[in-house]
Amino acid sequence: TLTNGFTYFATPAPTSVTPNAGLSIGLTPVVISGSGFTGSTGVTFGGAAGTLFIVVNDTTITCVTPAHALGAVNVVVTNPVTTGTLTNGYTYTLI
C-alpha cells in the first residue's frame, strides 16, 4: 500500500472575473470565481500568464492581468492535470 500515492484534481470551472475588463497594459488586480481551484497552478488571459497568482480557496483565485492586445480573451485556469476555460471572460480596453 502506498499511502497518499495518488492525487485527484477537480477540473477548474471559472465562472466570472471581477472586474471583467481593464487596460491593455495589464496590471489590473482581478478576482476569478468558480469551482475546482484547489491545486491550480496558474491562469492565462488570452494565452498570457497572470502574475501574483494566489489560490484563495476552492472557489476564488486572485491575480494581476498581463498586458495583451485589445479585445475579449479567454481566461484559462490550469492545474497539473487539466484546464478550465471562461470563454471571452475578460476584455482588454483602451480606457
PDB file of N, CA and C in Angstrom:
ATOM      1  N   THR A   1       0.841  -1.188   0.000  1.00  0.00           N
ATOM      2  CA  THR A   1       0.000   0.000   0.000  1.00  0.00           C
ATOM      3  C   THR A   1       0.876   1.237   0.000  1.00  0.00           C
ATOM      4  N   LEU A   2       0.535   2.158  -0.871  1.00  0.00           N
ATOM      5  CA  LEU A   2       1.236   3.434  -0.931  1.00  0.00           C
ATOM      6  C   LEU A   2       0.286   4.513  -0.417  1.00  0.00           C
ATOM      7  N   THR A   3       0.479   4.959   0.799  1.00  0.00           N
ATOM      8  CA  THR A   3      -0.377   5.976   1.393  1.00  0.00           C
ATOM      9  C   THR A   3      -0.215   7.289   0.644  1.00  0.00           C
ATOM     10  N   ASN A   4      -1.355   7.903   0.283  1.00  0.00           N
ATOM     11  CA  ASN A   4      -1.363   9.180  -0.458  1.00  0.00           C
ATOM     12  C   ASN A   4      -0.562   9.098  -1.748  1.00  0.00           C
ATOM     13  N   GLY A   5      -0.639   7.974  -2.417  1.00  0.00           N
ATOM     14  CA  GLY A   5       0.127   7.758  -3.631  1.00  0.00           C
ATOM     15  C   GLY A   5      -0.476   8.356  -4.882  1.00  0.00           C
ATOM     16  N   PHE A   6      -1.669   8.912  -4.769  1.00  0.00           N
ATOM     17  CA  PHE A   6      -2.332   9.489  -5.941  1.00  0.00           C
ATOM     18  C   PHE A   6      -3.146  10.697  -5.500  1.00  0.00           C
ATOM     19  N   THR A   7      -3.132  11.752  -6.306  1.00  0.00           N
ATOM     20  CA  THR A   7      -3.896  12.958  -6.001  1.00  0.00           C
ATOM     21  C   THR A   7      -4.936  13.175  -7.078  1.00  0.00           C
ATOM     22  N   TYR A   8      -6.168  13.370  -6.659  1.00  0.00           N
ATOM     23  CA  TYR A   8      -7.255  13.692  -7.582  1.00  0.00           C
ATOM     24  C   TYR A   8      -7.388  15.195  -7.691  1.00  0.00           C
ATOM     25  N   PHE A   9      -7.601  15.696  -8.913  1.00  0.00           N
ATOM     26  CA  PHE A   9      -7.837  17.111  -9.146  1.00  0.00           C
ATOM     27  C   PHE A   9      -9.185  17.281  -9.815  1.00  0.00           C
ATOM     28  N   ALA A  10      -9.966  18.232  -9.331  1.00  0.00           N
ATOM     29  CA  ALA A  10     -11.212  18.593 -10.000  1.00  0.00           C
ATOM     30  C   ALA A  10     -10.860  19.435 -11.227  1.00  0.00           C
ATOM     31  N   THR A  11     -11.690  19.401 -12.241  1.00  0.00           N
ATOM     32  CA  THR A  11     -11.491  20.280 -13.392  1.00  0.00           C
ATOM     33  C   THR A  11     -11.861  21.699 -12.971  1.00  0.00           C
ATOM     34  N   PRO A  12     -10.941  22.659 -13.128  1.00  0.00           N
ATOM     35  CA  PRO A  12     -11.270  24.034 -12.770  1.00  0.00           C
ATOM     36  C   PRO A  12     -12.436  24.541 -13.620  1.00  0.00           C
ATOM     37  N   ALA A  13     -13.328  25.287 -12.992  1.00  0.00           N
ATOM     38  CA  ALA A  13     -14.501  25.810 -13.702  1.00  0.00           C
ATOM     39  C   ALA A  13     -14.682  27.292 -13.378  1.00  0.00           C
ATOM     40  N   PRO A  14     -13.897  28.173 -14.046  1.00  0.00           N
ATOM     41  CA  PRO A  14     -14.081  29.608 -13.803  1.00  0.00           C
ATOM     42  C   PRO A  14     -15.425  30.084 -14.344  1.00  0.00           C
ATOM     43  N   THR A  15     -16.138  30.902 -13.562  1.00  0.00           N
ATOM     44  CA  THR A  15     -17.455  31.399 -13.975  1.00  0.00           C
ATOM     45  C   THR A  15     -17.514  32.909 -14.132  1.00  0.00           C
ATOM     46  N   SER A  16     -16.594  33.644 -13.472  1.00  0.00           N
ATOM     47  CA  SER A  16     -16.599  35.104 -13.625  1.00  0.00           C
ATOM     48  C   SER A  16     -15.242  35.675 -13.247  1.00  0.00           C
ATOM     49  N   VAL A  17     -14.986  36.875 -13.774  1.00  0.00           N
ATOM     50  CA  VAL A  17     -13.786  37.645 -13.438  1.00  0.00           C
ATOM     51  C   VAL A  17     -14.263  39.028 -13.035  1.00  0.00           C
ATOM     52  N   THR A  18     -13.787  39.523 -11.880  1.00  0.00           N
ATOM     53  CA  THR A  18     -14.179  40.844 -11.394  1.00  0.00           C
ATOM     54  C   THR A  18     -12.933  41.668 -11.115  1.00  0.00           C
ATOM     55  N   PRO A  19     -12.769  42.839 -11.745  1.00  0.00           N
ATOM     56  CA  PRO A  19     -13.591  43.345 -12.846  1.00  0.00           C
ATOM     57  C   PRO A  19     -13.355  42.507 -14.098  1.00  0.00           C
ATOM     58  N   ASN A  20     -14.287  42.595 -15.043  1.00  0.00           N
ATOM     59  CA  ASN A  20     -14.180  41.773 -16.256  1.00  0.00           C
ATOM     60  C   ASN A  20     -13.570  42.526 -17.434  1.00  0.00           C
ATOM     61  N   ALA A  21     -13.010  43.716 -17.171  1.00  0.00           N
ATOM     62  CA  ALA A  21     -12.354  44.498 -18.230  1.00  0.00           C
ATOM     63  C   ALA A  21     -11.271  45.368 -17.606  1.00  0.00           C
ATOM     64  N   GLY A  22     -10.258  45.686 -18.410  1.00  0.00           N
ATOM     65  CA  GLY A  22      -9.173  46.544 -17.953  1.00  0.00           C
ATOM     66  C   GLY A  22      -8.292  46.962 -19.111  1.00  0.00           C
ATOM     67  N   LEU A  23      -7.331  47.810 -18.797  1.00  0.00           N
ATOM     68  CA  LEU A  23      -6.456  48.368 -19.821  1.00  0.00           C
ATOM     69  C   LEU A  23      -5.566  47.318 -20.471  1.00  0.00           C
ATOM     70  N   SER A  24      -5.209  47.576 -21.729  1.00  0.00           N
ATOM     71  CA  SER A  24      -4.373  46.632 -22.473  1.00  0.00           C
ATOM     72  C   SER A  24      -2.956  46.540 -21.913  1.00  0.00           C
ATOM     73  N   ILE A  25      -2.553  47.491 -21.078  1.00  0.00           N
ATOM     74  CA  ILE A  25      -1.227  47.412 -20.457  1.00  0.00           C
ATOM     75  C   ILE A  25      -1.198  46.383 -19.322  1.00  0.00           C
ATOM     76  N   GLY A  26      -2.364  45.830 -18.981  1.00  0.00           N
ATOM     77  CA  GLY A  26      -2.433  44.862 -17.894  1.00  0.00           C
ATOM     78  C   GLY A  26      -2.411  45.561 -16.550  1.00  0.00           C
ATOM     79  N   LEU A  27      -1.865  44.881 -15.547  1.00  0.00           N
ATOM     80  CA  LEU A  27      -1.687  45.413 -14.195  1.00  0.00           C
ATOM     81  C   LEU A  27      -2.989  45.622 -13.433  1.00  0.00           C
ATOM     82  N   THR A  28      -4.078  44.995 -13.885  1.00  0.00           N
ATOM     83  CA  THR A  28      -5.362  45.095 -13.192  1.00  0.00           C
ATOM     84  C   THR A  28      -5.512  43.923 -12.234  1.00  0.00           C
ATOM     85  N   PRO A  29      -5.656  44.194 -10.923  1.00  0.00           N
ATOM     86  CA  PRO A  29      -5.928  43.101  -9.989  1.00  0.00           C
ATOM     87  C   PRO A  29      -7.337  42.560 -10.223  1.00  0.00           C
ATOM     88  N   VAL A  30      -7.482  41.246 -10.318  1.00  0.00           N
ATOM     89  CA  VAL A  30      -8.794  40.643 -10.563  1.00  0.00           C
ATOM     90  C   VAL A  30      -9.042  39.502  -9.578  1.00  0.00           C
ATOM     91  N   VAL A  31     -10.322  39.198  -9.415  1.00  0.00           N
ATOM     92  CA  VAL A  31     -10.760  38.039  -8.643  1.00  0.00           C
ATOM     93  C   VAL A  31     -11.483  37.115  -9.615  1.00  0.00           C
ATOM     94  N   ILE A  32     -11.043  35.872  -9.682  1.00  0.00           N
ATOM     95  CA  ILE A  32     -11.682  34.866 -10.528  1.00  0.00           C
ATOM     96  C   ILE A  32     -12.510  33.977  -9.612  1.00  0.00           C
ATOM     97  N   SER A  33     -13.782  33.838  -9.932  1.00  0.00           N
ATOM     98  CA  SER A  33     -14.684  32.996  -9.151  1.00  0.00           C
ATOM     99  C   SER A  33     -15.060  31.764  -9.951  1.00  0.00           C
ATOM    100  N   GLY A  34     -15.380  30.699  -9.249  1.00  0.00           N
ATOM    101  CA  GLY A  34     -15.775  29.454  -9.904  1.00  0.00           C
ATOM    102  C   GLY A  34     -15.685  28.306  -8.935  1.00  0.00           C
ATOM    103  N   SER A  35     -15.179  27.162  -9.406  1.00  0.00           N
ATOM    104  CA  SER A  35     -15.030  25.992  -8.545  1.00  0.00           C
ATOM    105  C   SER A  35     -13.876  25.131  -9.030  1.00  0.00           C
ATOM    106  N   GLY A  36     -13.437  24.227  -8.165  1.00  0.00           N
ATOM    107  CA  GLY A  36     -12.365  23.309  -8.533  1.00  0.00           C
ATOM    108  C   GLY A  36     -10.994  23.948  -8.609  1.00  0.00           C
ATOM    109  N   PHE A  37     -10.758  25.020  -7.864  1.00  0.00           N
ATOM    110  CA  PHE A  37      -9.489  25.735  -7.962  1.00  0.00           C
ATOM    111  C   PHE A  37      -8.381  25.173  -7.067  1.00  0.00           C
ATOM    112  N   THR A  38      -8.717  24.339  -6.096  1.00  0.00           N
ATOM    113  CA  THR A  38      -7.692  23.778  -5.221  1.00  0.00           C
ATOM    114  C   THR A  38      -6.666  23.018  -6.066  1.00  0.00           C
ATOM    115  N   GLY A  39      -5.400  23.353  -5.878  1.00  0.00           N
ATOM    116  CA  GLY A  39      -4.332  22.723  -6.641  1.00  0.00           C
ATOM    117  C   GLY A  39      -4.008  23.402  -7.956  1.00  0.00           C
ATOM    118  N   SER A  40      -4.728  24.480  -8.281  1.00  0.00           N
ATOM    119  CA  SER A  40      -4.450  25.192  -9.534  1.00  0.00           C
ATOM    120  C   SER A  40      -3.058  25.798  -9.492  1.00  0.00           C
ATOM    121  N   THR A  41      -2.426  25.845 -10.662  1.00  0.00           N
ATOM    122  CA  THR A  41      -1.042  26.288 -10.758  1.00  0.00           C
ATOM    123  C   THR A  41      -0.852  27.578 -11.550  1.00  0.00           C
ATOM    124  N   GLY A  42      -1.909  28.065 -12.200  1.00  0.00           N
ATOM    125  CA  GLY A  42      -1.764  29.298 -12.963  1.00  0.00           C
ATOM    126  C   GLY A  42      -3.033  29.664 -13.690  1.00  0.00           C
ATOM    127  N   VAL A  43      -3.022  30.882 -14.229  1.00  0.00           N
ATOM    128  CA  VAL A  43      -4.142  31.380 -15.022  1.00  0.00           C
ATOM    129  C   VAL A  43      -3.578  32.186 -16.184  1.00  0.00           C
ATOM    130  N   THR A  44      -4.217  32.055 -17.347  1.00  0.00           N
ATOM    131  CA  THR A  44      -3.809  32.851 -18.501  1.00  0.00           C
ATOM    132  C   THR A  44      -4.981  33.668 -19.019  1.00  0.00           C
ATOM    133  N   PHE A  45      -4.638  34.777 -19.622  1.00  0.00           N
ATOM    134  CA  PHE A  45      -5.598  35.680 -20.252  1.00  0.00           C
ATOM    135  C   PHE A  45      -5.211  35.760 -21.720  1.00  0.00           C
ATOM    136  N   GLY A  46      -5.971  35.107 -22.578  1.00  0.00           N
ATOM    137  CA  GLY A  46      -5.620  35.082 -23.992  1.00  0.00           C
ATOM    138  C   GLY A  46      -4.253  34.472 -24.234  1.00  0.00           C
ATOM    139  N   GLY A  47      -3.839  33.526 -23.397  1.00  0.00           N
ATOM    140  CA  GLY A  47      -2.558  32.854 -23.552  1.00  0.00           C
ATOM    141  C   GLY A  47      -1.406  33.475 -22.785  1.00  0.00           C
ATOM    142  N   ALA A  48      -1.607  34.667 -22.217  1.00  0.00           N
ATOM    143  CA  ALA A  48      -0.561  35.328 -21.439  1.00  0.00           C
ATOM    144  C   ALA A  48      -0.795  35.073 -19.948  1.00  0.00           C
ATOM    145  N   ALA A  49       0.255  34.719 -19.240  1.00  0.00           N
ATOM    146  CA  ALA A  49       0.136  34.343 -17.830  1.00  0.00           C
ATOM    147  C   ALA A  49      -0.146  35.535 -16.924  1.00  0.00           C
ATOM    148  N   GLY A  50      -1.115  35.347 -16.034  1.00  0.00           N
ATOM    149  CA  GLY A  50      -1.359  36.324 -14.984  1.00  0.00           C
ATOM    150  C   GLY A  50      -0.236  36.261 -13.964  1.00  0.00           C
ATOM    151  N   THR A  51      -0.038  37.350 -13.238  1.00  0.00           N
ATOM    152  CA  THR A  51       1.022  37.395 -12.234  1.00  0.00           C
ATOM    153  C   THR A  51       0.414  37.485 -10.843  1.00  0.00           C
ATOM    154  N   LEU A  52       1.250  37.328  -9.841  1.00  0.00           N
ATOM    155  CA  LEU A  52       0.827  37.370  -8.434  1.00  0.00           C
ATOM    156  C   LEU A  52      -0.370  36.459  -8.193  1.00  0.00           C
ATOM    157  N   PHE A  53      -0.307  35.265  -8.782  1.00  0.00           N
ATOM    158  CA  PHE A  53      -1.373  34.270  -8.748  1.00  0.00           C
ATOM    159  C   PHE A  53      -1.498  33.670  -7.352  1.00  0.00           C
ATOM    160  N   ILE A  54      -2.705  33.730  -6.759  1.00  0.00           N
ATOM    161  CA  ILE A  54      -2.959  33.145  -5.441  1.00  0.00           C
ATOM    162  C   ILE A  54      -4.285  32.390  -5.469  1.00  0.00           C
ATOM    163  N   VAL A  55      -4.242  31.118  -5.090  1.00  0.00           N
ATOM    164  CA  VAL A  55      -5.477  30.360  -4.896  1.00  0.00           C
ATOM    165  C   VAL A  55      -5.927  30.666  -3.468  1.00  0.00           C
ATOM    166  N   VAL A  56      -6.995  31.431  -3.333  1.00  0.00           N
ATOM    167  CA  VAL A  56      -7.510  31.802  -2.017  1.00  0.00           C
ATOM    168  C   VAL A  56      -8.216  30.611  -1.377  1.00  0.00           C
ATOM    169  N   ASN A  57      -9.051  29.945  -2.171  1.00  0.00           N
ATOM    170  CA  ASN A  57      -9.738  28.726  -1.739  1.00  0.00           C
ATOM    171  C   ASN A  57     -10.256  28.017  -2.987  1.00  0.00           C
ATOM    172  N   ASP A  58     -11.078  27.011  -2.821  1.00  0.00           N
ATOM    173  CA  ASP A  58     -11.535  26.219  -3.961  1.00  0.00           C
ATOM    174  C   ASP A  58     -12.392  27.006  -4.949  1.00  0.00           C
ATOM    175  N   THR A  59     -12.914  28.163  -4.532  1.00  0.00           N
ATOM    176  CA  THR A  59     -13.814  28.940  -5.391  1.00  0.00           C
ATOM    177  C   THR A  59     -13.280  30.318  -5.781  1.00  0.00           C
ATOM    178  N   THR A  60     -12.079  30.669  -5.312  1.00  0.00           N
ATOM    179  CA  THR A  60     -11.566  32.021  -5.547  1.00  0.00           C
ATOM    180  C   THR A  60     -10.070  32.019  -5.846  1.00  0.00           C
ATOM    181  N   ILE A  61      -9.707  32.737  -6.906  1.00  0.00           N
ATOM    182  CA  ILE A  61      -8.315  32.990  -7.256  1.00  0.00           C
ATOM    183  C   ILE A  61      -8.152  34.499  -7.413  1.00  0.00           C
ATOM    184  N   THR A  62      -7.009  35.027  -6.952  1.00  0.00           N
ATOM    185  CA  THR A  62      -6.676  36.417  -7.234  1.00  0.00           C
ATOM    186  C   THR A  62      -5.407  36.434  -8.072  1.00  0.00           C
ATOM    187  N   CYS A  63      -5.301  37.427  -8.952  1.00  0.00           N
ATOM    188  CA  CYS A  63      -4.088  37.609  -9.737  1.00  0.00           C
ATOM    189  C   CYS A  63      -4.120  38.988 -10.369  1.00  0.00           C
ATOM    190  N   VAL A  64      -3.078  39.294 -11.100  1.00  0.00           N
ATOM    191  CA  VAL A  64      -2.961  40.563 -11.821  1.00  0.00           C
ATOM    192  C   VAL A  64      -2.859  40.240 -13.302  1.00  0.00           C
ATOM    193  N   THR A  65      -3.630  40.972 -14.109  1.00  0.00           N
ATOM    194  CA  THR A  65      -3.657  40.696 -15.544  1.00  0.00           C
ATOM    195  C   THR A  65      -2.342  41.089 -16.226  1.00  0.00           C
ATOM    196  N   PRO A  66      -1.953  40.318 -17.241  1.00  0.00           N
ATOM    197  CA  PRO A  66      -0.792  40.672 -18.053  1.00  0.00           C
ATOM    198  C   PRO A  66      -1.210  41.649 -19.151  1.00  0.00           C
ATOM    199  N   ALA A  67      -0.244  42.249 -19.811  1.00  0.00           N
ATOM    200  CA  ALA A  67      -0.539  43.084 -20.978  1.00  0.00           C
ATOM    201  C   ALA A  67      -1.040  42.185 -22.107  1.00  0.00           C
ATOM    202  N   HIS A  68      -1.909  42.752 -22.952  1.00  0.00           N
ATOM    203  CA  HIS A  68      -2.460  41.973 -24.067  1.00  0.00           C
ATOM    204  C   HIS A  68      -3.064  42.946 -25.075  1.00  0.00           C
ATOM    205  N   ALA A  69      -3.210  42.495 -26.300  1.00  0.00           N
ATOM    206  CA  ALA A  69      -3.878  43.291 -27.334  1.00  0.00           C
ATOM    207  C   ALA A  69      -5.340  43.519 -26.953  1.00  0.00           C
ATOM    208  N   LEU A  70      -5.946  44.528 -27.559  1.00  0.00           N
ATOM    209  CA  LEU A  70      -7.334  44.870 -27.268  1.00  0.00           C
ATOM    210  C   LEU A  70      -8.289  43.748 -27.646  1.00  0.00           C
ATOM    211  N   GLY A  71      -9.387  43.658 -26.892  1.00  0.00           N
ATOM    212  CA  GLY A  71     -10.443  42.705 -27.217  1.00  0.00           C
ATOM    213  C   GLY A  71     -10.707  41.710 -26.103  1.00  0.00           C
ATOM    214  N   ALA A  72     -11.735  40.903 -26.332  1.00  0.00           N
ATOM    215  CA  ALA A  72     -12.121  39.873 -25.368  1.00  0.00           C
ATOM    216  C   ALA A  72     -11.203  38.668 -25.491  1.00  0.00           C
ATOM    217  N   VAL A  73     -10.843  38.086 -24.342  1.00  0.00           N
ATOM    218  CA  VAL A  73      -9.955  36.918 -24.325  1.00  0.00           C
ATOM    219  C   VAL A  73     -10.521  35.842 -23.396  1.00  0.00           C
ATOM    220  N   ASN A  74     -10.108  34.612 -23.655  1.00  0.00           N
ATOM    221  CA  ASN A  74     -10.459  33.511 -22.773  1.00  0.00           C
ATOM    222  C   ASN A  74      -9.594  33.565 -21.517  1.00  0.00           C
ATOM    223  N   VAL A  75     -10.199  33.236 -20.392  1.00  0.00           N
ATOM    224  CA  VAL A  75      -9.475  33.110 -19.131  1.00  0.00           C
ATOM    225  C   VAL A  75      -9.393  31.620 -18.826  1.00  0.00           C
ATOM    226  N   VAL A  76      -8.162  31.114 -18.705  1.00  0.00           N
ATOM    227  CA  VAL A  76      -7.947  29.677 -18.535  1.00  0.00           C
ATOM    228  C   VAL A  76      -7.229  29.424 -17.214  1.00  0.00           C
ATOM    229  N   VAL A  77      -7.860  28.611 -16.368  1.00  0.00           N
ATOM    230  CA  VAL A  77      -7.260  28.193 -15.099  1.00  0.00           C
ATOM    231  C   VAL A  77      -6.692  26.787 -15.302  1.00  0.00           C
ATOM    232  N   THR A  78      -5.442  26.589 -14.848  1.00  0.00           N
ATOM    233  CA  THR A  78      -4.730  25.338 -15.064  1.00  0.00           C
ATOM    234  C   THR A  78      -4.385  24.671 -13.736  1.00  0.00           C
ATOM    235  N   ASN A  79      -4.495  23.338 -13.705  1.00  0.00           N
ATOM    236  CA  ASN A  79      -3.941  22.561 -12.603  1.00  0.00           C
ATOM    237  C   ASN A  79      -3.014  21.514 -13.219  1.00  0.00           C
ATOM    238  N   PRO A  80      -2.375  20.667 -12.429  1.00  0.00           N
ATOM    239  CA  PRO A  80      -1.412  19.723 -13.021  1.00  0.00           C
ATOM    240  C   PRO A  80      -2.002  18.724 -14.020  1.00  0.00           C
ATOM    241  N   VAL A  81      -3.328  18.588 -14.066  1.00  0.00           N
ATOM    242  CA  VAL A  81      -3.942  17.574 -14.911  1.00  0.00           C
ATOM    243  C   VAL A  81      -4.770  18.145 -16.051  1.00  0.00           C
ATOM    244  N   THR A  82      -5.460  19.245 -15.826  1.00  0.00           N
ATOM    245  CA  THR A  82      -6.421  19.737 -16.804  1.00  0.00           C
ATOM    246  C   THR A  82      -6.569  21.253 -16.713  1.00  0.00           C
ATOM    247  N   THR A  83      -7.425  21.800 -17.574  1.00  0.00           N
ATOM    248  CA  THR A  83      -7.698  23.237 -17.562  1.00  0.00           C
ATOM    249  C   THR A  83      -9.203  23.480 -17.594  1.00  0.00           C
ATOM    250  N   GLY A  84      -9.580  24.683 -17.198  1.00  0.00           N
ATOM    251  CA  GLY A  84     -10.959  25.129 -17.316  1.00  0.00           C
ATOM    252  C   GLY A  84     -10.965  26.508 -17.945  1.00  0.00           C
ATOM    253  N   THR A  85     -11.889  26.741 -18.865  1.00  0.00           N
ATOM    254  CA  THR A  85     -11.893  27.984 -19.641  1.00  0.00           C
ATOM    255  C   THR A  85     -13.176  28.770 -19.437  1.00  0.00           C
ATOM    256  N   LEU A  86     -13.019  30.083 -19.230  1.00  0.00           N
ATOM    257  CA  LEU A  86     -14.134  31.022 -19.267  1.00  0.00           C
ATOM    258  C   LEU A  86     -13.997  31.782 -20.586  1.00  0.00           C
ATOM    259  N   THR A  87     -14.808  31.407 -21.559  1.00  0.00           N
ATOM    260  CA  THR A  87     -14.724  31.977 -22.901  1.00  0.00           C
ATOM    261  C   THR A  87     -15.060  33.465 -22.861  1.00  0.00           C
ATOM    262  N   ASN A  88     -14.196  34.272 -23.477  1.00  0.00           N
ATOM    263  CA  ASN A  88     -14.356  35.734 -23.506  1.00  0.00           C
ATOM    264  C   ASN A  88     -14.621  36.294 -22.105  1.00  0.00           C
ATOM    265  N   GLY A  89     -13.887  35.776 -21.121  1.00  0.00           N
ATOM    266  CA  GLY A  89     -14.110  36.146 -19.730  1.00  0.00           C
ATOM    267  C   GLY A  89     -13.524  37.476 -19.311  1.00  0.00           C
ATOM    268  N   TYR A  90     -12.634  38.029 -20.134  1.00  0.00           N
ATOM    269  CA  TYR A  90     -12.014  39.311 -19.798  1.00  0.00           C
ATOM    270  C   TYR A  90     -11.805  40.103 -21.068  1.00  0.00           C
ATOM    271  N   THR A  91     -11.996  41.418 -20.990  1.00  0.00           N
ATOM    272  CA  THR A  91     -11.858  42.275 -22.168  1.00  0.00           C
ATOM    273  C   THR A  91     -10.810  43.353 -21.918  1.00  0.00           C
ATOM    274  N   TYR A  92      -9.846  43.441 -22.830  1.00  0.00           N
ATOM    275  CA  TYR A  92      -8.819  44.475 -22.792  1.00  0.00           C
ATOM    276  C   TYR A  92      -9.310  45.701 -23.549  1.00  0.00           C
ATOM    277  N   THR A  93      -9.180  46.877 -22.922  1.00  0.00           N
ATOM    278  CA  THR A  93      -9.682  48.125 -23.493  1.00  0.00           C
ATOM    279  C   THR A  93      -8.599  49.193 -23.521  1.00  0.00           C
ATOM    280  N   LEU A  94      -8.903  50.301 -24.193  1.00  0.00           N
ATOM    281  CA  LEU A  94      -8.007  51.462 -24.190  1.00  0.00           C
ATOM    282  C   LEU A  94      -8.260  52.328 -22.981  1.00  0.00           C
ATOM    283  N   ILE A  95      -9.503  52.409 -22.559  1.00  0.00           N
ATOM    284  CA  ILE A  95      -9.882  53.310 -21.453  1.00  0.00           C
ATOM    285  C   ILE A  95     -10.582  52.510 -20.379  1.00  0.00           C
TER     286      ILE A  95
END
